[in-house]
Protein backbone atom coordinates (compact mmCIF):
# COMPACT_ATOMS: atom_id res chain seq x y z
CA MET A 1 -105.31 78.08 0.46
CA LYS A 2 -104.99 80.62 3.24
CA THR A 3 -101.56 82.21 3.55
CA SER A 4 -102.02 83.27 7.18
CA GLY A 5 -102.72 81.53 10.44
CA ASN A 6 -100.82 78.37 9.51
CA ALA A 7 -98.07 76.42 11.24
CA VAL A 8 -95.45 75.62 8.60
CA LEU A 9 -92.40 73.37 8.48
CA ILE A 10 -89.79 74.29 5.85
CA THR A 11 -86.85 71.98 5.11
CA GLY A 12 -83.70 73.82 4.07
CA GLY A 13 -85.28 76.94 5.51
CA ALA A 14 -82.18 78.80 6.70
CA THR A 15 -81.08 80.13 3.30
CA GLY A 16 -82.26 80.83 -0.24
CA ILE A 17 -85.82 80.03 -1.28
CA GLY A 18 -86.61 78.36 2.04
CA PHE A 19 -85.58 81.45 4.01
CA ALA A 20 -87.46 83.77 1.62
CA LEU A 21 -90.58 81.63 2.11
CA ALA A 22 -90.07 81.75 5.88
CA SER A 23 -89.85 85.53 5.75
CA ALA A 24 -92.97 85.89 3.58
CA LEU A 25 -94.96 83.50 5.78
CA LEU A 26 -93.90 85.30 8.97
CA ASP A 27 -95.06 88.59 7.44
CA ARG A 28 -98.50 87.02 7.00
CA GLY A 29 -98.80 85.89 10.60
CA ASN A 30 -97.83 82.23 10.30
CA GLU A 31 -95.89 80.14 12.77
CA VAL A 32 -92.73 79.00 10.99
CA ILE A 33 -90.39 76.12 11.82
CA ILE A 34 -87.27 75.62 9.73
CA CYS A 35 -84.77 72.78 9.67
CA GLY A 36 -81.36 72.35 8.11
CA ARG A 37 -77.97 70.69 8.49
CA SER A 38 -75.99 73.77 9.55
CA GLU A 39 -76.32 74.95 13.14
CA GLU A 40 -74.57 78.20 12.17
CA LYS A 41 -77.05 79.00 9.38
CA LEU A 42 -80.02 78.12 11.59
CA ARG A 43 -78.65 80.40 14.30
CA SER A 44 -78.20 83.21 11.77
CA ALA A 45 -81.80 82.79 10.56
CA LYS A 46 -83.02 82.90 14.15
CA GLU A 47 -81.09 86.11 14.77
CA LYS A 48 -82.75 87.75 11.77
CA PHE A 49 -86.22 86.46 12.65
CA PRO A 50 -86.46 85.63 16.38
CA LYS A 51 -89.99 84.25 15.94
CA ILE A 52 -88.70 81.40 13.78
CA SER A 53 -88.29 78.01 15.45
CA THR A 54 -85.31 75.94 14.31
CA LYS A 55 -84.28 72.28 14.30
CA LYS A 56 -80.99 70.81 13.17
CA CYS A 57 -81.73 67.89 10.88
CA ASP A 58 -80.03 66.07 8.00
CA ILE A 59 -82.97 64.95 5.89
CA SER A 60 -80.73 62.64 3.83
CA ARG A 61 -80.66 60.40 6.94
CA LYS A 62 -83.83 58.39 7.50
CA GLN A 63 -83.31 58.40 11.27
CA ASP A 64 -83.20 62.20 11.21
CA VAL A 65 -86.47 62.30 9.25
CA ASP A 66 -88.02 59.94 11.82
CA SER A 67 -86.84 62.16 14.64
CA LEU A 68 -87.96 65.37 12.89
CA PHE A 69 -91.48 64.10 12.38
CA GLY A 70 -91.81 62.96 15.99
CA TRP A 71 -90.39 66.20 17.35
CA VAL A 72 -92.38 68.62 15.20
CA THR A 73 -95.75 66.89 15.60
CA SER A 74 -95.23 66.71 19.35
CA SER A 75 -94.01 70.30 19.73
CA TYR A 76 -96.35 71.83 17.17
CA PRO A 77 -99.54 69.73 17.07
CA ASP A 78 -101.31 72.33 14.91
CA LEU A 79 -98.71 72.08 12.15
CA ASN A 80 -100.67 71.98 8.89
CA VAL A 81 -98.22 72.85 6.09
CA LEU A 82 -95.07 71.00 4.97
CA ILE A 83 -92.72 72.65 2.48
CA ASN A 84 -90.21 70.19 1.02
CA ASN A 85 -87.62 72.72 -0.08
CA ALA A 86 -84.17 71.32 0.78
CA GLY A 87 -82.00 70.48 -2.19
CA ILE A 88 -78.46 70.41 -3.54
CA GLN A 89 -77.05 70.61 -7.04
CA ARG A 90 -73.81 69.02 -8.24
CA SER A 91 -72.04 69.25 -11.57
CA ILE A 92 -71.24 65.66 -12.57
CA ASP A 93 -69.34 64.46 -15.65
CA LEU A 94 -70.50 60.89 -16.30
CA LYS A 95 -67.66 60.39 -18.81
CA LYS A 96 -65.51 59.93 -15.70
CA GLY A 97 -67.54 56.91 -14.64
CA VAL A 98 -68.49 56.64 -10.97
CA GLN A 99 -65.74 58.98 -9.78
CA GLU A 100 -67.87 62.09 -9.31
CA VAL A 101 -71.10 60.18 -8.63
CA MET A 102 -69.64 58.40 -5.62
CA GLU A 103 -67.60 61.18 -4.04
CA ARG A 104 -68.98 63.13 -1.09
CA PRO A 105 -71.72 60.70 0.04
CA ASP A 106 -72.92 63.41 2.47
CA ASN A 107 -74.13 65.30 -0.59
CA ASP A 108 -76.27 62.55 -2.07
CA GLU A 109 -78.63 64.35 -4.46
CA ILE A 110 -81.06 61.43 -4.67
CA ALA A 111 -81.38 61.23 -0.88
CA ILE A 112 -81.71 64.98 -0.33
CA ASN A 113 -83.67 66.05 -3.41
CA LEU A 114 -86.06 63.11 -3.76
CA ARG A 115 -86.03 60.33 -1.15
CA SER A 116 -86.42 62.71 1.80
CA GLN A 117 -89.36 64.48 0.11
CA ILE A 118 -91.08 61.11 -0.37
CA TYR A 119 -90.43 60.04 3.23
CA LEU A 120 -91.63 63.33 4.70
CA SER A 121 -94.74 63.34 2.54
CA ALA A 122 -95.52 59.77 3.56
CA TYR A 123 -95.14 60.70 7.22
CA PHE A 124 -97.29 63.81 7.06
CA VAL A 125 -100.13 62.66 4.81
CA PRO A 126 -101.85 60.49 7.49
CA TRP A 127 -101.19 63.23 10.07
CA PHE A 128 -102.75 65.90 7.87
CA MET A 129 -105.73 63.74 6.95
CA LYS A 130 -106.73 63.55 10.61
CA MET A 131 -106.80 67.33 10.96
CA GLU A 132 -109.98 69.33 10.64
CA ARG A 133 -108.20 72.43 9.33
CA GLU A 134 -106.86 73.07 5.84
CA THR A 135 -103.53 71.30 5.19
CA ALA A 136 -100.99 71.34 2.40
CA ILE A 137 -97.75 69.88 1.10
CA LEU A 138 -95.54 72.04 -1.14
CA ASN A 139 -92.76 70.34 -3.09
CA VAL A 140 -90.13 72.62 -4.58
CA SER A 141 -89.02 71.17 -7.90
CA SER A 142 -87.32 73.16 -10.70
CA GLY A 143 -87.69 74.33 -14.26
CA LEU A 144 -84.86 71.88 -14.94
CA ALA A 145 -87.37 69.06 -14.28
CA PHE A 146 -88.84 69.97 -17.68
CA VAL A 147 -85.74 71.18 -19.55
CA PRO A 148 -82.63 69.54 -18.05
CA LEU A 149 -79.21 71.13 -17.91
CA ALA A 150 -76.87 68.30 -18.89
CA ARG A 151 -74.05 69.27 -16.55
CA PHE A 152 -76.37 68.58 -13.58
CA PRO A 153 -77.77 65.16 -14.66
CA ILE A 154 -78.69 63.77 -11.25
CA TYR A 155 -80.14 67.03 -9.96
CA CYS A 156 -82.38 67.36 -13.04
CA ALA A 157 -83.43 63.70 -12.79
CA THR A 158 -84.40 64.09 -9.12
CA LYS A 159 -86.46 67.17 -9.88
CA ALA A 160 -88.23 65.43 -12.79
CA ALA A 161 -88.98 62.53 -10.46
CA LEU A 162 -90.25 64.93 -7.81
CA HIS A 163 -92.58 66.50 -10.38
CA SER A 164 -93.96 63.05 -11.23
CA PHE A 165 -94.28 62.11 -7.56
CA THR A 166 -96.13 65.35 -6.81
CA MET A 167 -98.64 64.68 -9.60
CA SER A 168 -99.31 61.19 -8.28
CA LEU A 169 -99.58 62.39 -4.68
CA ARG A 170 -102.02 65.11 -5.68
CA TYR A 171 -104.20 62.57 -7.48
CA GLN A 172 -104.15 60.15 -4.56
CA LEU A 173 -105.25 62.95 -2.22
CA LYS A 174 -107.80 64.58 -4.50
CA ASP A 175 -110.73 63.44 -2.35
CA THR A 176 -109.12 64.52 0.94
CA THR A 177 -108.54 67.87 2.62
CA VAL A 178 -104.79 67.75 1.83
CA LYS A 179 -103.73 70.09 -0.95
CA VAL A 180 -100.57 69.31 -2.90
CA PHE A 181 -98.65 72.13 -4.60
CA GLU A 182 -95.55 72.14 -6.75
CA VAL A 183 -93.28 75.19 -6.75
CA ILE A 184 -91.30 75.42 -9.99
CA PRO A 185 -88.55 78.08 -9.91
CA PRO A 186 -86.05 78.94 -12.62
CA THR A 187 -82.42 79.63 -11.76
CA VAL A 188 -82.35 81.60 -8.51
CA TYR A 189 -79.20 83.64 -8.04
CA ASP A 190 -79.23 84.18 -4.25
CA THR A 191 -79.36 80.55 -3.10
CA GLU A 192 -76.60 78.22 -1.95
CA LEU A 193 -77.79 75.35 -4.15
CA LYS A 194 -74.31 74.96 -5.66
CA GLY A 195 -72.59 75.79 -2.37
CA LYS A 196 -72.56 79.57 -2.79
CA PRO A 197 -74.78 82.27 -4.34
CA LEU A 198 -74.49 83.11 -8.05
CA GLU A 199 -73.95 86.48 -9.64
CA LYS A 200 -77.16 88.28 -10.56
CA THR A 201 -78.07 87.86 -14.25
CA ASP A 202 -80.94 88.77 -16.57
CA TRP A 203 -82.19 85.18 -16.70
CA ALA A 204 -82.13 84.43 -12.95
CA ILE A 205 -84.53 85.72 -10.30
CA SER A 206 -84.27 86.23 -6.56
CA SER A 207 -85.56 83.90 -3.87
CA ALA A 208 -87.89 86.72 -2.74
CA GLU A 209 -89.50 86.70 -6.20
CA VAL A 210 -90.06 82.98 -5.89
CA ALA A 211 -91.66 83.47 -2.48
CA GLN A 212 -93.93 86.17 -3.90
CA ALA A 213 -95.06 83.81 -6.67
CA VAL A 214 -95.73 81.10 -4.09
CA MET A 215 -97.90 83.36 -1.93
CA SER A 216 -99.91 84.40 -4.99
CA GLY A 217 -100.27 80.80 -6.21
CA LEU A 218 -101.40 79.52 -2.82
CA GLU A 219 -104.07 82.20 -2.55
CA LYS A 220 -105.44 81.16 -5.96
CA ASP A 221 -105.10 77.40 -5.33
CA GLU A 222 -102.81 77.08 -8.34
CA TYR A 223 -101.37 73.63 -7.76
CA GLU A 224 -98.44 74.15 -10.12
CA ILE A 225 -96.74 77.43 -9.26
CA PRO A 226 -94.11 78.49 -11.83
CA ALA A 227 -91.90 81.51 -11.29
CA GLY A 228 -90.11 83.67 -13.83
CA SER A 229 -89.44 82.23 -17.27
CA VAL A 230 -90.45 78.68 -16.27
CA GLU A 231 -94.08 79.41 -17.07
CA ASN A 232 -93.24 79.40 -20.79
CA TRP A 233 -91.69 75.96 -20.44
CA LEU A 234 -94.72 74.47 -18.71
CA HIS A 235 -97.01 75.40 -21.57
CA GLY A 236 -94.60 74.83 -24.42
CA SER A 237 -94.78 72.12 -27.07
CA LYS A 238 -92.25 69.28 -27.33
CA SER A 239 -90.54 71.31 -30.04
CA ASP A 240 -90.37 74.34 -27.76
CA LEU A 241 -88.86 72.28 -24.96
CA ASP A 242 -86.30 70.74 -27.34
CA GLN A 243 -85.31 74.22 -28.50
CA ALA A 244 -84.97 75.38 -24.89
CA PHE A 245 -82.86 72.31 -24.07
CA ASN A 246 -80.50 72.97 -26.99
CA PHE A 247 -80.29 76.66 -26.03
CA ILE A 248 -79.38 76.22 -22.37
CA ASN A 249 -76.95 73.37 -23.10
CA ARG A 250 -75.08 75.03 -25.97
């Protein structure tokens, strides 16, 4: 997959991994469009990179997804890459019943982390299949899709489902020109996944490191792109994954 000369839409592109990907893609001469829920964060991203195009959009709302697809395909008819990056992560204690699951419906992990990725992929697949140029969909899942962290049960479940969906989508499109990639980061300390960035640690990496891994993986047509320690999890045995699960949940 070429990493230059593309027109790319990145959901959740104003901060964290999405913003790092936008920066890396701009450096390689791509046209980059980002969307997000916060006008302030989109404006800040635009100030840092004036060449970025922005669109306010809440991808948890189907009507916003409908509007986004219509707007971006009309305004950028050469758009050939979709990066499904937007996501949130909530700590939920299921011993409390539905209390924490139901609160803050605006932060619905299933809608943001999974349903929107499915909707956007379904919109763009027919569009991409009509194009003569190389096209791609990148879904950003997580190492926690393979080794869940129990305090984030819904987040981990959505990422595991996104991994499964990406595999199926890739198989369905294997005889087309649409390439389907999965980006699999570990904990990233400079994102706002939990609402604010984390402190830097030995076991977390930066969003820029994820973006670097993505650029390298795209160039090599590596359809599963792990970053950092996640690579060991992808190739581990069931026993290895069980040990990792017990370690991170201790």
